[in-house]
Amino acid sequence: MTIISHDAPDYPVMNLQVAQHGLKQHQYCDDSCEARRYFTDLVPKLERADREVKPLRGTWNIW
């Protein structure tokens, strides 16, 4: 059994896949769930940033 905290993360989530996963984990929570409100607000912002940012030509992602 997995225990899910309903508090918003104490660190900024900057990864779209992680934010989408967090939103999926809390999709059935009610409106009092702080994590659900956090991820519901964050995911559209990260999706927009993902569409707008284009990789630089000639650069490599070494991470």
N, C-alpha and C. Protein backbone atom coordinates (compact mmCIF):
# COMPACT_ATOMS: atom_id res chain seq x y z
N MET A 1 0.84 -1.18 0.00
CA MET A 1 0.00 0.00 0.00
C MET A 1 0.89 1.24 0.00
N THR A 2 0.57 2.16 -0.87
CA THR A 2 1.33 3.40 -0.97
C THR A 2 0.61 4.50 -0.20
N ILE A 3 1.36 5.24 0.57
CA ILE A 3 0.81 6.37 1.31
C ILE A 3 1.09 7.63 0.52
N ILE A 4 0.06 8.40 0.24
CA ILE A 4 0.19 9.64 -0.54
C ILE A 4 -0.01 10.82 0.39
N SER A 5 0.94 11.74 0.37
CA SER A 5 0.79 12.98 1.13
C SER A 5 -0.05 13.95 0.32
N HIS A 6 -0.94 14.64 0.97
CA HIS A 6 -1.79 15.60 0.28
C HIS A 6 -1.28 17.03 0.46
N ASP A 7 -0.04 17.17 0.92
CA ASP A 7 0.60 18.48 1.02
C ASP A 7 1.31 18.78 -0.29
N ALA A 8 1.39 20.05 -0.65
CA ALA A 8 2.15 20.43 -1.83
C ALA A 8 3.62 20.14 -1.57
N PRO A 9 4.38 19.83 -2.61
CA PRO A 9 5.81 19.56 -2.40
C PRO A 9 6.52 20.76 -1.79
N ASP A 10 7.54 20.49 -0.99
CA ASP A 10 8.29 21.58 -0.37
C ASP A 10 9.48 22.00 -1.23
N TYR A 11 9.48 21.60 -2.48
CA TYR A 11 10.51 21.98 -3.45
C TYR A 11 9.79 22.27 -4.77
N PRO A 12 10.33 23.14 -5.61
CA PRO A 12 9.66 23.44 -6.87
C PRO A 12 9.77 22.27 -7.86
N VAL A 13 8.66 21.85 -8.41
CA VAL A 13 8.65 20.80 -9.42
C VAL A 13 8.78 21.50 -10.77
N MET A 14 9.84 21.18 -11.51
CA MET A 14 10.10 21.83 -12.79
C MET A 14 10.04 20.85 -13.96
N ASN A 15 9.71 19.61 -13.70
CA ASN A 15 9.68 18.58 -14.72
C ASN A 15 8.22 18.27 -15.06
N LEU A 16 7.89 18.37 -16.34
CA LEU A 16 6.52 18.17 -16.78
C LEU A 16 6.01 16.76 -16.46
N GLN A 17 6.83 15.75 -16.71
CA GLN A 17 6.38 14.38 -16.45
C GLN A 17 6.12 14.14 -14.96
N VAL A 18 6.95 14.69 -14.12
CA VAL A 18 6.76 14.55 -12.67
C VAL A 18 5.48 15.27 -12.24
N ALA A 19 5.24 16.45 -12.79
CA ALA A 19 4.03 17.20 -12.44
C ALA A 19 2.78 16.46 -12.92
N GLN A 20 2.83 15.89 -14.12
CA GLN A 20 1.69 15.13 -14.63
C GLN A 20 1.43 13.89 -13.76
N HIS A 21 2.50 13.25 -13.32
CA HIS A 21 2.35 12.09 -12.44
C HIS A 21 1.71 12.50 -11.12
N GLY A 22 2.16 13.62 -10.56
CA GLY A 22 1.58 14.12 -9.31
C GLY A 22 0.10 14.45 -9.47
N LEU A 23 -0.25 15.05 -10.60
CA LEU A 23 -1.65 15.37 -10.85
C LEU A 23 -2.48 14.10 -10.98
N LYS A 24 -1.92 13.10 -11.65
CA LYS A 24 -2.64 11.83 -11.80
C LYS A 24 -2.86 11.16 -10.45
N GLN A 25 -1.87 11.25 -9.56
CA GLN A 25 -2.00 10.64 -8.22
C GLN A 25 -3.12 11.29 -7.41
N HIS A 26 -3.40 12.57 -7.67
CA HIS A 26 -4.36 13.33 -6.87
C HIS A 26 -5.62 13.68 -7.66
N GLN A 27 -5.85 13.04 -8.79
CA GLN A 27 -6.98 13.41 -9.64
C GLN A 27 -8.34 13.18 -8.98
N TYR A 28 -8.43 12.26 -8.06
CA TYR A 28 -9.71 11.97 -7.41
C TYR A 28 -9.85 12.60 -6.04
N CYS A 29 -8.88 13.40 -5.63
CA CYS A 29 -8.96 14.10 -4.35
C CYS A 29 -9.97 15.25 -4.45
N ASP A 30 -10.47 15.69 -3.31
CA ASP A 30 -11.39 16.82 -3.34
C ASP A 30 -10.61 18.13 -3.39
N ASP A 31 -11.34 19.23 -3.42
CA ASP A 31 -10.71 20.55 -3.58
C ASP A 31 -9.86 20.97 -2.39
N SER A 32 -9.99 20.31 -1.26
CA SER A 32 -9.18 20.68 -0.10
C SER A 32 -7.76 20.10 -0.17
N CYS A 33 -7.48 19.27 -1.17
CA CYS A 33 -6.15 18.67 -1.32
C CYS A 33 -5.18 19.71 -1.89
N GLU A 34 -4.20 20.06 -1.08
CA GLU A 34 -3.22 21.07 -1.46
C GLU A 34 -2.38 20.62 -2.65
N ALA A 35 -2.01 19.36 -2.69
CA ALA A 35 -1.20 18.84 -3.79
C ALA A 35 -1.98 18.89 -5.11
N ARG A 36 -3.24 18.56 -5.06
CA ARG A 36 -4.06 18.61 -6.28
C ARG A 36 -4.13 20.03 -6.83
N ARG A 37 -4.36 21.00 -5.95
CA ARG A 37 -4.40 22.40 -6.39
C ARG A 37 -3.07 22.82 -6.96
N TYR A 38 -1.96 22.41 -6.33
CA TYR A 38 -0.62 22.75 -6.79
C TYR A 38 -0.37 22.21 -8.20
N PHE A 39 -0.62 20.91 -8.39
CA PHE A 39 -0.34 20.29 -9.69
C PHE A 39 -1.34 20.74 -10.75
N THR A 40 -2.58 21.01 -10.38
CA THR A 40 -3.56 21.51 -11.35
C THR A 40 -3.14 22.86 -11.89
N ASP A 41 -2.54 23.68 -11.05
CA ASP A 41 -2.04 24.99 -11.48
C ASP A 41 -0.74 24.86 -12.25
N LEU A 42 0.11 23.92 -11.88
CA LEU A 42 1.45 23.81 -12.45
C LEU A 42 1.50 23.16 -13.81
N VAL A 43 0.75 22.10 -14.02
CA VAL A 43 0.84 21.33 -15.27
C VAL A 43 0.60 22.18 -16.51
N PRO A 44 -0.45 23.01 -16.58
CA PRO A 44 -0.62 23.83 -17.79
C PRO A 44 0.54 24.80 -18.04
N LYS A 45 1.12 25.31 -16.97
CA LYS A 45 2.26 26.22 -17.14
C LYS A 45 3.47 25.49 -17.72
N LEU A 46 3.74 24.29 -17.22
CA LEU A 46 4.87 23.51 -17.73
C LEU A 46 4.61 23.03 -19.16
N GLU A 47 3.35 22.70 -19.47
CA GLU A 47 3.02 22.30 -20.84
C GLU A 47 3.24 23.45 -21.81
N ARG A 48 2.84 24.65 -21.42
CA ARG A 48 3.04 25.83 -22.26
C ARG A 48 4.53 26.10 -22.44
N ALA A 49 5.29 26.00 -21.38
CA ALA A 49 6.74 26.22 -21.46
C ALA A 49 7.39 25.16 -22.34
N ASP A 50 6.90 23.93 -22.28
CA ASP A 50 7.45 22.85 -23.09
C ASP A 50 7.22 23.11 -24.57
N ARG A 51 6.06 23.68 -24.91
CA ARG A 51 5.78 24.00 -26.32
C ARG A 51 6.61 25.17 -26.81
N GLU A 52 6.86 26.14 -25.94
CA GLU A 52 7.54 27.37 -26.35
C GLU A 52 9.05 27.23 -26.42
N VAL A 53 9.63 26.36 -25.61
CA VAL A 53 11.08 26.21 -25.58
C VAL A 53 11.49 25.23 -26.66
N LYS A 54 12.38 25.70 -27.51
CA LYS A 54 12.89 24.85 -28.57
C LYS A 54 14.36 24.54 -28.29
N PRO A 55 14.79 23.32 -28.49
CA PRO A 55 16.19 22.99 -28.22
C PRO A 55 17.12 23.79 -29.14
N LEU A 56 18.23 24.19 -28.59
CA LEU A 56 19.20 24.93 -29.38
C LEU A 56 19.91 23.98 -30.35
N ARG A 57 20.12 24.45 -31.51
CA ARG A 57 20.77 23.63 -32.52
C ARG A 57 22.24 23.42 -32.15
N GLY A 58 22.67 22.19 -32.20
CA GLY A 58 24.07 21.90 -31.90
C GLY A 58 24.36 21.66 -30.44
N THR A 59 23.34 21.69 -29.58
CA THR A 59 23.58 21.44 -28.17
C THR A 59 23.18 20.00 -27.83
N TRP A 60 23.77 19.49 -26.81
CA TRP A 60 23.49 18.14 -26.37
C TRP A 60 22.96 18.19 -24.95
N ASN A 61 22.04 17.34 -24.66
CA ASN A 61 21.55 17.21 -23.30
C ASN A 61 22.42 16.16 -22.59
N ILE A 62 23.31 16.61 -21.72
CA ILE A 62 24.24 15.69 -21.09
C ILE A 62 23.70 15.13 -19.78
N TRP A 63 22.54 15.57 -19.36
CA TRP A 63 21.98 15.10 -18.10
C TRP A 63 21.14 13.91 -18.38
